[in-house]
Amino acid sequence: MAEMNPLEVIAECIEKAKATTDRERIGHILAETLATLQIDNTEDDAFHMLSTAIGDTVDKNKAHGAHLLEVWTQLENQRQKR
């Protein structure tokens, strides 16, 4: 089994999420990516890595990142309430 490259996993996630405006689909993509990242990282590290990438994406292209940021913000809020 090939070793996971977190940067590739995150890049694939971002590209998939930018390709849709369906919030439910984006949520599924993010959840799947977080689960993959947590194989080799803590939950906090996985959230931090993905959060940083999403922030960079939104900074570069607000139009394509708006739905992604909205769903991500909801996920972060849910996580903080736990």
N, C-alpha and C. Protein backbone atom coordinates (compact mmCIF):
# COMPACT_ATOMS: atom_id res chain seq x y z
N MET A 1 0.84 -1.18 0.00
CA MET A 1 0.00 0.00 0.00
C MET A 1 0.89 1.25 0.00
N ALA A 2 0.60 2.17 -0.90
CA ALA A 2 1.40 3.38 -1.02
C ALA A 2 1.12 4.30 0.16
N GLU A 3 2.15 5.01 0.56
CA GLU A 3 2.01 5.95 1.67
C GLU A 3 1.19 7.16 1.21
N MET A 4 0.31 7.63 2.07
CA MET A 4 -0.53 8.77 1.76
C MET A 4 0.29 10.06 1.80
N ASN A 5 0.08 10.90 0.81
CA ASN A 5 0.69 12.22 0.79
C ASN A 5 -0.41 13.22 1.15
N PRO A 6 -0.34 13.80 2.36
CA PRO A 6 -1.41 14.72 2.79
C PRO A 6 -1.65 15.88 1.84
N LEU A 7 -0.60 16.40 1.25
CA LEU A 7 -0.77 17.53 0.32
C LEU A 7 -1.57 17.13 -0.91
N GLU A 8 -1.34 15.92 -1.41
CA GLU A 8 -2.10 15.43 -2.56
C GLU A 8 -3.56 15.19 -2.18
N VAL A 9 -3.78 14.63 -1.00
CA VAL A 9 -5.14 14.37 -0.52
C VAL A 9 -5.90 15.70 -0.40
N ILE A 10 -5.26 16.69 0.17
CA ILE A 10 -5.89 18.00 0.35
C ILE A 10 -6.13 18.67 -1.00
N ALA A 11 -5.17 18.62 -1.90
CA ALA A 11 -5.33 19.24 -3.21
C ALA A 11 -6.50 18.61 -3.97
N GLU A 12 -6.61 17.29 -3.89
CA GLU A 12 -7.72 16.60 -4.55
C GLU A 12 -9.06 17.03 -3.94
N CYS A 13 -9.09 17.14 -2.63
CA CYS A 13 -10.30 17.59 -1.93
C CYS A 13 -10.72 18.97 -2.40
N ILE A 14 -9.78 19.88 -2.43
CA ILE A 14 -10.07 21.26 -2.82
C ILE A 14 -10.62 21.31 -4.24
N GLU A 15 -9.98 20.58 -5.14
CA GLU A 15 -10.43 20.58 -6.54
C GLU A 15 -11.83 20.00 -6.68
N LYS A 16 -12.11 18.91 -5.98
CA LYS A 16 -13.45 18.32 -6.02
C LYS A 16 -14.48 19.29 -5.46
N ALA A 17 -14.16 19.93 -4.36
CA ALA A 17 -15.10 20.84 -3.70
C ALA A 17 -15.35 22.09 -4.53
N LYS A 18 -14.33 22.57 -5.22
CA LYS A 18 -14.49 23.76 -6.06
C LYS A 18 -15.34 23.46 -7.29
N ALA A 19 -15.43 22.19 -7.66
CA ALA A 19 -16.14 21.80 -8.88
C ALA A 19 -17.66 21.70 -8.69
N THR A 20 -18.14 21.91 -7.47
CA THR A 20 -19.57 21.79 -7.21
C THR A 20 -20.05 22.91 -6.30
N THR A 21 -21.34 23.19 -6.39
CA THR A 21 -21.95 24.15 -5.46
C THR A 21 -22.89 23.43 -4.51
N ASP A 22 -22.99 22.12 -4.64
CA ASP A 22 -23.86 21.30 -3.78
C ASP A 22 -23.23 21.19 -2.40
N ARG A 23 -23.83 21.85 -1.43
CA ARG A 23 -23.27 21.89 -0.08
C ARG A 23 -23.17 20.50 0.55
N GLU A 24 -24.14 19.65 0.27
CA GLU A 24 -24.10 18.29 0.81
C GLU A 24 -22.92 17.51 0.23
N ARG A 25 -22.70 17.66 -1.04
CA ARG A 25 -21.56 16.99 -1.70
C ARG A 25 -20.24 17.53 -1.14
N ILE A 26 -20.14 18.82 -0.96
CA ILE A 26 -18.93 19.42 -0.40
C ILE A 26 -18.69 18.89 1.00
N GLY A 27 -19.74 18.80 1.79
CA GLY A 27 -19.61 18.25 3.14
C GLY A 27 -19.10 16.83 3.13
N HIS A 28 -19.58 16.04 2.20
CA HIS A 28 -19.12 14.65 2.07
C HIS A 28 -17.64 14.60 1.68
N ILE A 29 -17.26 15.45 0.75
CA ILE A 29 -15.85 15.51 0.31
C ILE A 29 -14.95 15.88 1.48
N LEU A 30 -15.36 16.88 2.25
CA LEU A 30 -14.57 17.32 3.40
C LEU A 30 -14.47 16.22 4.46
N ALA A 31 -15.58 15.58 4.75
CA ALA A 31 -15.58 14.51 5.76
C ALA A 31 -14.68 13.36 5.33
N GLU A 32 -14.75 13.00 4.07
CA GLU A 32 -13.91 11.92 3.54
C GLU A 32 -12.43 12.29 3.64
N THR A 33 -12.12 13.52 3.32
CA THR A 33 -10.73 13.98 3.37
C THR A 33 -10.23 14.00 4.81
N LEU A 34 -11.03 14.50 5.72
CA LEU A 34 -10.63 14.51 7.13
C LEU A 34 -10.38 13.10 7.64
N ALA A 35 -11.23 12.17 7.26
CA ALA A 35 -11.04 10.78 7.69
C ALA A 35 -9.73 10.22 7.14
N THR A 36 -9.43 10.52 5.90
CA THR A 36 -8.18 10.05 5.29
C THR A 36 -6.97 10.67 5.98
N LEU A 37 -7.04 11.97 6.24
CA LEU A 37 -5.92 12.65 6.89
C LEU A 37 -5.69 12.13 8.31
N GLN A 38 -6.75 11.69 8.97
CA GLN A 38 -6.63 11.22 10.35
C GLN A 38 -6.02 9.83 10.45
N ILE A 39 -5.79 9.20 9.33
CA ILE A 39 -5.11 7.90 9.36
C ILE A 39 -3.70 8.08 9.92
N ASP A 40 -3.01 9.14 9.48
CA ASP A 40 -1.63 9.37 9.90
C ASP A 40 -1.45 10.61 10.78
N ASN A 41 -2.54 11.29 11.11
CA ASN A 41 -2.47 12.54 11.87
C ASN A 41 -3.55 12.56 12.93
N THR A 42 -3.39 13.44 13.90
CA THR A 42 -4.44 13.62 14.90
C THR A 42 -5.60 14.37 14.27
N GLU A 43 -6.73 14.35 14.94
CA GLU A 43 -7.90 15.09 14.45
C GLU A 43 -7.57 16.59 14.36
N ASP A 44 -6.91 17.12 15.37
CA ASP A 44 -6.55 18.54 15.36
C ASP A 44 -5.64 18.87 14.19
N ASP A 45 -4.64 18.03 13.94
CA ASP A 45 -3.72 18.27 12.83
C ASP A 45 -4.45 18.21 11.49
N ALA A 46 -5.35 17.24 11.34
CA ALA A 46 -6.10 17.10 10.09
C ALA A 46 -6.95 18.34 9.85
N PHE A 47 -7.66 18.80 10.88
CA PHE A 47 -8.47 20.01 10.73
C PHE A 47 -7.61 21.22 10.41
N HIS A 48 -6.47 21.33 11.06
CA HIS A 48 -5.58 22.47 10.82
C HIS A 48 -5.06 22.47 9.38
N MET A 49 -4.60 21.32 8.91
CA MET A 49 -4.08 21.23 7.54
C MET A 49 -5.14 21.62 6.52
N LEU A 50 -6.33 21.06 6.68
CA LEU A 50 -7.40 21.33 5.73
C LEU A 50 -7.89 22.77 5.85
N SER A 51 -7.95 23.29 7.06
CA SER A 51 -8.37 24.67 7.27
C SER A 51 -7.44 25.65 6.58
N THR A 52 -6.16 25.41 6.70
CA THR A 52 -5.16 26.27 6.06
C THR A 52 -5.33 26.25 4.54
N ALA A 53 -5.52 25.07 3.98
CA ALA A 53 -5.68 24.94 2.53
C ALA A 53 -6.96 25.63 2.06
N ILE A 54 -8.02 25.50 2.82
CA ILE A 54 -9.28 26.14 2.45
C ILE A 54 -9.13 27.66 2.52
N GLY A 55 -8.47 28.15 3.56
CA GLY A 55 -8.22 29.59 3.65
C GLY A 55 -7.43 30.11 2.47
N ASP A 56 -6.41 29.38 2.06
CA ASP A 56 -5.62 29.77 0.90
C ASP A 56 -6.46 29.77 -0.37
N THR A 57 -7.31 28.77 -0.51
CA THR A 57 -8.18 28.66 -1.68
C THR A 57 -9.13 29.84 -1.77
N VAL A 58 -9.74 30.18 -0.67
CA VAL A 58 -10.69 31.29 -0.64
C VAL A 58 -9.97 32.61 -0.92
N ASP A 59 -8.78 32.77 -0.36
CA ASP A 59 -8.01 33.99 -0.62
C ASP A 59 -7.69 34.16 -2.10
N LYS A 60 -7.42 33.05 -2.78
CA LYS A 60 -7.04 33.10 -4.20
C LYS A 60 -8.24 33.26 -5.12
N ASN A 61 -9.37 32.67 -4.75
CA ASN A 61 -10.52 32.70 -5.63
C ASN A 61 -11.81 32.64 -4.81
N LYS A 62 -12.28 33.80 -4.43
CA LYS A 62 -13.45 33.87 -3.56
C LYS A 62 -14.69 33.24 -4.20
N ALA A 63 -14.85 33.38 -5.50
CA ALA A 63 -16.04 32.83 -6.17
C ALA A 63 -16.08 31.31 -6.07
N HIS A 64 -14.97 30.65 -6.36
CA HIS A 64 -14.93 29.19 -6.32
C HIS A 64 -14.83 28.65 -4.90
N GLY A 65 -14.39 29.47 -3.99
CA GLY A 65 -14.20 29.00 -2.62
C GLY A 65 -15.33 29.33 -1.67
N ALA A 66 -16.32 30.10 -2.11
CA ALA A 66 -17.38 30.56 -1.22
C ALA A 66 -18.17 29.40 -0.60
N HIS A 67 -18.62 28.48 -1.42
CA HIS A 67 -19.41 27.35 -0.90
C HIS A 67 -18.54 26.46 -0.02
N LEU A 68 -17.31 26.27 -0.43
CA LEU A 68 -16.37 25.47 0.35
C LEU A 68 -16.18 26.08 1.73
N LEU A 69 -15.97 27.37 1.79
CA LEU A 69 -15.78 28.07 3.06
C LEU A 69 -17.03 27.98 3.93
N GLU A 70 -18.18 28.12 3.32
CA GLU A 70 -19.44 28.06 4.07
C GLU A 70 -19.62 26.70 4.75
N VAL A 71 -19.40 25.63 3.99
CA VAL A 71 -19.55 24.29 4.54
C VAL A 71 -18.47 24.03 5.59
N TRP A 72 -17.24 24.45 5.30
CA TRP A 72 -16.15 24.25 6.25
C TRP A 72 -16.43 24.95 7.58
N THR A 73 -16.95 26.16 7.50
CA THR A 73 -17.27 26.93 8.71
C THR A 73 -18.32 26.19 9.54
N GLN A 74 -19.31 25.60 8.88
CA GLN A 74 -20.32 24.82 9.60
C GLN A 74 -19.68 23.61 10.28
N LEU A 75 -18.77 22.93 9.58
CA LEU A 75 -18.09 21.77 10.18
C LEU A 75 -17.26 22.17 11.38
N GLU A 76 -16.56 23.28 11.26
CA GLU A 76 -15.74 23.76 12.38
C GLU A 76 -16.61 24.12 13.59
N ASN A 77 -17.75 24.75 13.32
CA ASN A 77 -18.65 25.11 14.41
C ASN A 77 -19.19 23.87 15.10
N GLN A 78 -19.55 22.85 14.33
CA GLN A 78 -20.03 21.59 14.92
C GLN A 78 -18.94 20.94 15.77
N ARG A 79 -17.73 20.98 15.26
CA ARG A 79 -16.60 20.37 15.99
C ARG A 79 -16.36 21.09 17.31
N GLN A 80 -16.44 22.39 17.32
CA GLN A 80 -16.20 23.17 18.52
C GLN A 80 -17.27 22.94 19.58
N LYS A 81 -18.47 22.58 19.17
CA LYS A 81 -19.57 22.35 20.10
C LYS A 81 -19.46 21.00 20.79
N ARG A 82 -18.61 20.11 20.27
CA ARG A 82 -18.46 18.78 20.89
C ARG A 82 -17.74 18.86 22.19
